[in-house]
Amino acid sequence: MIDDLIYDQFSENYDRFVNWEGRLVLELPFLISEIEQLRKDDKCPPSVLDVSCGTGHHAIALQKYGFKCSGADISKKMVAIARKNTLNADLEIPFRQAGFGELTRSYGKNKFESLLCLGNSLPHVLDEEAMLNTLADFKAVLKPGGKIILQNRNFDRVVKNQGRWMNPETHQEGNNSWIFVRFYDFLPDGQILFNILILHNENEKGFKQNVISTRLWPFSHLQLVNWLKQSGFEAVNLYGDLQGSAYDVNQSPNLVITALTP
């Protein structure tokens, strides 16, 4: 499962690492279109639970559009920053500390029209039993006819090509600069060690470095589709990114899946 301490440690840099303005411009049209399909009444917008919400920016953007959003994350510090970001946006969004398998206990059954699990969060689940429990928890917290939207790396492509490196991200604040370098180590048991090298140059005095690491399970798209169907989801659709491109097992950067509860 997700290591909350790792992401507590990364929380202070997360909004430096992600270019939210650029990312949301690309991703919001697809997310809004998918969630709008669930709208039954103009006066009652669909409710959305953003799982592994990080610092809350997807939930904030979707609530600004008009949906009724909530957020959950296993990291206490991520949740604290999400609450602060929401206040800065002059919104009210409830964020809770809750991990995979804890959503129904935290929120109850049949509470949301849609559930998001974005940012390659689901591969932190490291075995099949835990995965089925996670998906059952997703299904239980959704209303009948509810929709999940999942976004992971396309690990079919990553594993086939043994692609270790991702493009670095940079951030500048006055005389402070950051470089974030992400890379994988392929482990003998078939899992992946996901590493983030953080280089910070404070007041132009030279870079200091820190590395945080966590395990991922690089499951295939066929495995995930099978687990979703085992868990009772239907109408499963695959895309190659959060712009709604067709999924290509050999070329797509991401695996995006939508599915419905009966």
Protein backbone atom coordinates (compact mmCIF):
# COMPACT_ATOMS: atom_id res chain seq x y z
CA MET A 1 0.00 0.00 0.00
CA ILE A 2 0.97 3.64 -0.25
CA ASP A 3 3.63 4.61 2.28
CA ASP A 4 2.07 7.58 4.04
CA LEU A 5 5.41 8.62 5.54
CA ILE A 6 7.04 8.84 2.10
CA TYR A 7 4.28 11.12 0.86
CA ASP A 8 4.26 13.10 4.09
CA GLN A 9 7.92 13.77 3.31
CA PHE A 10 7.17 14.73 -0.31
CA SER A 11 4.10 16.85 0.54
CA GLU A 12 6.00 20.12 1.03
CA ASN A 13 7.40 19.87 -2.51
CA TYR A 14 4.40 18.35 -4.29
CA ASP A 15 2.97 21.62 -5.57
CA ARG A 16 6.44 22.58 -6.78
CA PHE A 17 6.78 19.27 -8.57
CA VAL A 18 3.45 19.44 -10.44
CA ASN A 19 2.72 22.16 -12.98
CA TRP A 20 -0.94 22.33 -11.99
CA GLU A 21 -1.91 25.10 -14.38
CA GLY A 22 -0.67 23.17 -17.39
CA ARG A 23 -1.86 19.81 -16.16
CA LEU A 24 -5.41 20.90 -15.40
CA VAL A 25 -5.80 22.60 -18.77
CA LEU A 26 -5.07 19.23 -20.39
CA GLU A 27 -7.04 16.98 -18.05
CA LEU A 28 -10.17 18.86 -17.00
CA PRO A 29 -12.14 18.66 -20.27
CA PHE A 30 -12.03 14.85 -20.26
CA LEU A 31 -12.80 14.57 -16.53
CA ILE A 32 -15.68 17.04 -16.74
CA SER A 33 -17.14 15.28 -19.78
CA GLU A 34 -17.03 11.89 -18.06
CA ILE A 35 -18.56 13.15 -14.82
CA GLU A 36 -21.22 15.23 -16.59
CA GLN A 37 -22.60 12.01 -18.06
CA LEU A 38 -23.75 11.17 -14.52
CA ARG A 39 -25.76 14.36 -14.04
CA LYS A 40 -29.46 13.66 -13.54
CA ASP A 41 -30.66 17.05 -12.36
CA ASP A 42 -29.36 20.55 -13.12
CA LYS A 43 -29.99 21.49 -9.50
CA CYS A 44 -28.11 18.50 -8.09
CA PRO A 45 -24.54 18.22 -9.44
CA PRO A 46 -22.77 14.85 -9.36
CA SER A 47 -20.75 14.15 -6.23
CA VAL A 48 -17.07 13.26 -6.72
CA LEU A 49 -14.61 11.56 -4.35
CA ASP A 50 -10.96 12.14 -5.29
CA VAL A 51 -9.01 9.25 -3.77
CA SER A 52 -5.27 9.75 -3.25
CA CYS A 53 -6.13 13.41 -3.76
CA GLY A 54 -2.68 14.72 -2.87
CA THR A 55 -2.81 18.48 -2.36
CA GLY A 56 -6.37 18.71 -3.66
CA HIS A 57 -6.07 20.51 -6.97
CA HIS A 58 -8.28 18.18 -9.04
CA ALA A 59 -11.05 18.40 -6.44
CA ILE A 60 -10.67 22.19 -6.27
CA ALA A 61 -10.86 22.58 -10.05
CA LEU A 62 -13.85 20.26 -10.36
CA GLN A 63 -15.71 22.03 -7.55
CA LYS A 64 -15.04 25.38 -9.25
CA TYR A 65 -16.70 23.89 -12.33
CA GLY A 66 -19.77 23.01 -10.28
CA PHE A 67 -19.43 19.45 -9.01
CA LYS A 68 -19.72 18.53 -5.33
CA CYS A 69 -16.28 17.26 -4.36
CA SER A 70 -14.61 15.47 -1.47
CA GLY A 71 -11.04 14.23 -1.14
CA ALA A 72 -9.19 11.47 0.68
CA ASP A 73 -5.48 10.71 1.01
CA ILE A 74 -3.47 8.42 3.25
CA SER A 75 -0.92 11.20 3.90
CA LYS A 76 -1.87 13.44 6.81
CA LYS A 77 0.37 16.23 5.51
CA MET A 78 -1.06 16.04 1.97
CA VAL A 79 -4.55 16.41 3.45
CA ALA A 80 -3.44 19.42 5.50
CA ILE A 81 -2.07 21.14 2.38
CA ALA A 82 -5.23 20.25 0.42
CA ARG A 83 -7.31 21.97 3.10
CA LYS A 84 -5.06 25.02 2.94
CA ASN A 85 -5.26 25.14 -0.87
CA THR A 86 -9.04 24.94 -0.64
CA LEU A 87 -9.20 27.86 1.77
CA ASN A 88 -6.95 29.87 -0.55
CA ALA A 89 -9.40 29.11 -3.37
CA ASP A 90 -12.27 30.36 -1.16
CA LEU A 91 -14.04 26.98 -1.36
CA GLU A 92 -15.34 24.41 1.11
CA ILE A 93 -14.28 20.86 0.29
CA PRO A 94 -14.09 18.15 2.96
CA PHE A 95 -10.76 16.29 2.92
CA ARG A 96 -10.12 13.24 5.09
CA GLN A 97 -7.13 11.07 5.86
CA ALA A 98 -8.13 7.68 4.46
CA GLY A 99 -6.26 5.10 2.40
CA PHE A 100 -7.28 2.32 0.05
CA GLY A 101 -9.70 -0.08 1.70
CA GLU A 102 -10.79 2.54 4.26
CA LEU A 103 -13.24 4.59 2.20
CA THR A 104 -16.47 2.78 3.04
CA ARG A 105 -15.62 2.85 6.73
CA SER A 106 -14.90 6.57 6.48
CA TYR A 107 -17.77 7.68 4.21
CA GLY A 108 -20.36 4.88 4.23
CA LYS A 109 -21.88 3.02 1.28
CA ASN A 110 -23.45 4.47 -1.87
CA LYS A 111 -22.29 8.04 -1.24
CA PHE A 112 -20.78 9.30 -4.53
CA GLU A 113 -21.64 9.39 -8.22
CA SER A 114 -17.97 9.33 -9.26
CA LEU A 115 -14.62 8.29 -7.81
CA LEU A 116 -11.26 9.45 -9.16
CA CYS A 117 -7.97 7.65 -8.52
CA LEU A 118 -5.36 9.54 -10.54
CA GLY A 119 -1.61 10.16 -10.59
CA ASN A 120 -0.45 6.53 -10.74
CA SER A 121 -1.77 5.87 -7.24
CA LEU A 122 -3.34 2.42 -7.69
CA PRO A 123 0.01 0.66 -8.47
CA HIS A 124 0.97 1.27 -4.83
CA VAL A 125 -1.29 -1.71 -4.08
CA LEU A 126 1.21 -4.58 -4.07
CA ASP A 127 -0.75 -7.85 -4.17
CA GLU A 128 -3.94 -9.25 -5.69
CA GLU A 129 -5.87 -9.68 -2.44
CA ALA A 130 -5.26 -6.06 -1.50
CA MET A 131 -6.19 -4.95 -5.03
CA LEU A 132 -9.53 -6.76 -4.94
CA ASN A 133 -10.23 -5.31 -1.49
CA THR A 134 -9.39 -1.84 -2.81
CA LEU A 135 -11.68 -2.15 -5.82
CA ALA A 136 -14.47 -3.59 -3.67
CA ASP A 137 -14.09 -0.54 -1.41
CA PHE A 138 -14.26 1.75 -4.46
CA LYS A 139 -17.44 0.02 -5.65
CA ALA A 140 -19.09 0.11 -2.22
CA VAL A 141 -18.64 3.85 -1.72
CA LEU A 142 -20.21 4.57 -5.14
CA LYS A 143 -23.91 4.82 -5.81
CA PRO A 144 -25.54 2.38 -8.30
CA GLY A 145 -24.58 3.56 -11.76
CA GLY A 146 -21.53 5.36 -10.35
CA LYS A 147 -18.32 5.76 -12.30
CA ILE A 148 -14.66 5.29 -11.46
CA ILE A 149 -11.91 7.04 -13.40
CA LEU A 150 -8.43 5.56 -12.94
CA GLN A 151 -5.13 6.92 -14.27
CA ASN A 152 -1.91 4.91 -14.10
CA ARG A 153 1.31 4.74 -16.07
CA ASN A 154 1.07 2.37 -19.02
CA PHE A 155 3.17 -0.31 -17.36
CA ASP A 156 2.78 -2.67 -20.33
CA ARG A 157 4.99 -0.22 -22.21
CA VAL A 158 7.30 0.53 -19.26
CA VAL A 159 8.01 -3.13 -18.53
CA LYS A 160 8.42 -4.08 -22.19
CA ASN A 161 10.91 -1.28 -22.84
CA GLN A 162 12.49 -1.36 -19.37
CA GLY A 163 12.10 2.41 -19.41
CA ARG A 164 13.67 3.73 -16.24
CA TRP A 165 13.66 7.50 -16.64
CA MET A 166 10.92 10.11 -16.80
CA ASN A 167 11.32 13.71 -17.86
CA PRO A 168 12.64 15.90 -15.03
CA GLU A 169 10.49 18.67 -13.59
CA THR A 170 11.86 22.04 -12.44
CA HIS A 171 10.61 24.86 -10.24
CA GLN A 172 11.91 28.33 -9.38
CA GLU A 173 11.01 30.61 -6.44
CA GLY A 174 13.20 33.70 -6.27
CA ASN A 175 16.76 32.50 -5.57
CA ASN A 176 15.57 28.95 -4.82
CA SER A 177 15.38 26.28 -7.49
CA TRP A 178 14.33 22.64 -7.51
CA ILE A 179 14.86 19.77 -9.93
CA PHE A 180 12.82 16.59 -9.57
CA VAL A 181 14.18 13.47 -11.28
CA ARG A 182 12.01 10.32 -11.33
CA PHE A 183 13.35 6.89 -12.19
CA TYR A 184 12.55 3.20 -11.71
CA ASP A 185 14.57 0.25 -10.47
CA PHE A 186 13.24 -3.05 -11.78
CA LEU A 187 13.27 -5.56 -8.92
CA PRO A 188 13.82 -9.35 -9.11
CA ASP A 189 10.29 -10.06 -7.81
CA GLY A 190 8.71 -8.21 -10.76
CA GLN A 191 7.84 -5.08 -8.84
CA ILE A 192 9.37 -1.64 -9.33
CA LEU A 193 11.10 0.74 -6.96
CA PHE A 194 9.91 4.24 -7.78
CA ASN A 195 12.52 6.87 -6.88
CA ILE A 196 12.29 10.65 -6.78
CA LEU A 197 15.59 12.52 -6.60
CA ILE A 198 15.00 16.03 -5.24
CA LEU A 199 17.72 18.59 -5.96
CA HIS A 200 17.32 21.89 -4.12
CA ASN A 201 19.52 24.92 -4.66
CA GLU A 202 18.80 27.30 -1.78
CA ASN A 203 19.79 30.93 -2.31
CA GLU A 204 22.13 29.88 -5.13
CA LYS A 205 24.51 28.17 -2.69
CA GLY A 206 24.61 24.92 -4.63
CA PHE A 207 22.36 21.89 -4.87
CA LYS A 208 21.59 19.55 -2.01
CA GLN A 209 19.99 16.21 -2.79
CA ASN A 210 17.45 13.89 -1.23
CA VAL A 211 15.95 10.65 -2.58
CA ILE A 212 12.60 9.15 -1.60
CA SER A 213 11.55 5.72 -2.80
CA THR A 214 8.51 3.44 -2.70
CA ARG A 215 7.46 0.16 -4.30
CA LEU A 216 4.97 -0.11 -7.17
CA TRP A 217 3.27 -3.08 -8.83
CA PRO A 218 3.51 -2.67 -12.63
CA PHE A 219 0.38 -4.69 -13.45
CA SER A 220 -0.83 -4.91 -17.04
CA HIS A 221 -3.98 -3.41 -18.50
CA LEU A 222 -5.44 -6.91 -18.88
CA GLN A 223 -4.91 -7.64 -15.19
CA LEU A 224 -6.63 -4.42 -14.15
CA VAL A 225 -9.58 -4.99 -16.49
CA ASN A 226 -9.97 -8.52 -15.11
CA TRP A 227 -9.90 -7.27 -11.49
CA LEU A 228 -12.49 -4.62 -12.26
CA LYS A 229 -14.83 -7.21 -13.75
CA GLN A 230 -14.24 -9.57 -10.82
CA SER A 231 -15.18 -6.70 -8.52
CA GLY A 232 -18.49 -6.15 -10.30
CA PHE A 233 -17.68 -3.15 -12.49
CA GLU A 234 -19.04 -3.03 -16.01
CA ALA A 235 -18.86 -0.90 -19.17
CA VAL A 236 -15.06 -0.78 -18.90
CA ASN A 237 -13.39 1.67 -21.31
CA LEU A 238 -9.66 2.20 -21.88
CA TYR A 239 -7.87 5.40 -22.93
CA GLY A 240 -4.23 6.33 -23.41
CA ASP A 241 -4.29 9.60 -21.48
CA LEU A 242 -6.58 12.06 -19.73
CA GLN A 243 -7.35 13.73 -23.04
CA GLY A 244 -9.33 10.66 -24.08
CA SER A 245 -6.91 9.32 -26.70
CA ALA A 246 -7.27 5.69 -27.77
CA TYR A 247 -5.24 3.27 -25.68
CA ASP A 248 -2.23 1.77 -27.48
CA VAL A 249 -0.48 -0.86 -25.38
CA ASN A 250 2.88 -0.10 -27.02
CA GLN A 251 2.71 3.69 -27.32
CA SER A 252 0.33 5.30 -24.82
CA PRO A 253 2.02 7.06 -21.89
CA ASN A 254 -0.85 6.29 -19.54
CA LEU A 255 -3.58 3.77 -18.91
CA VAL A 256 -6.85 5.53 -18.15
CA ILE A 257 -9.89 3.41 -17.35
CA THR A 258 -13.51 4.32 -16.76
CA ALA A 259 -16.03 1.79 -15.48
CA LEU A 260 -19.51 1.77 -13.97
CA THR A 261 -21.18 0.10 -11.01
CA PRO A 262 -24.37 -1.85 -11.81
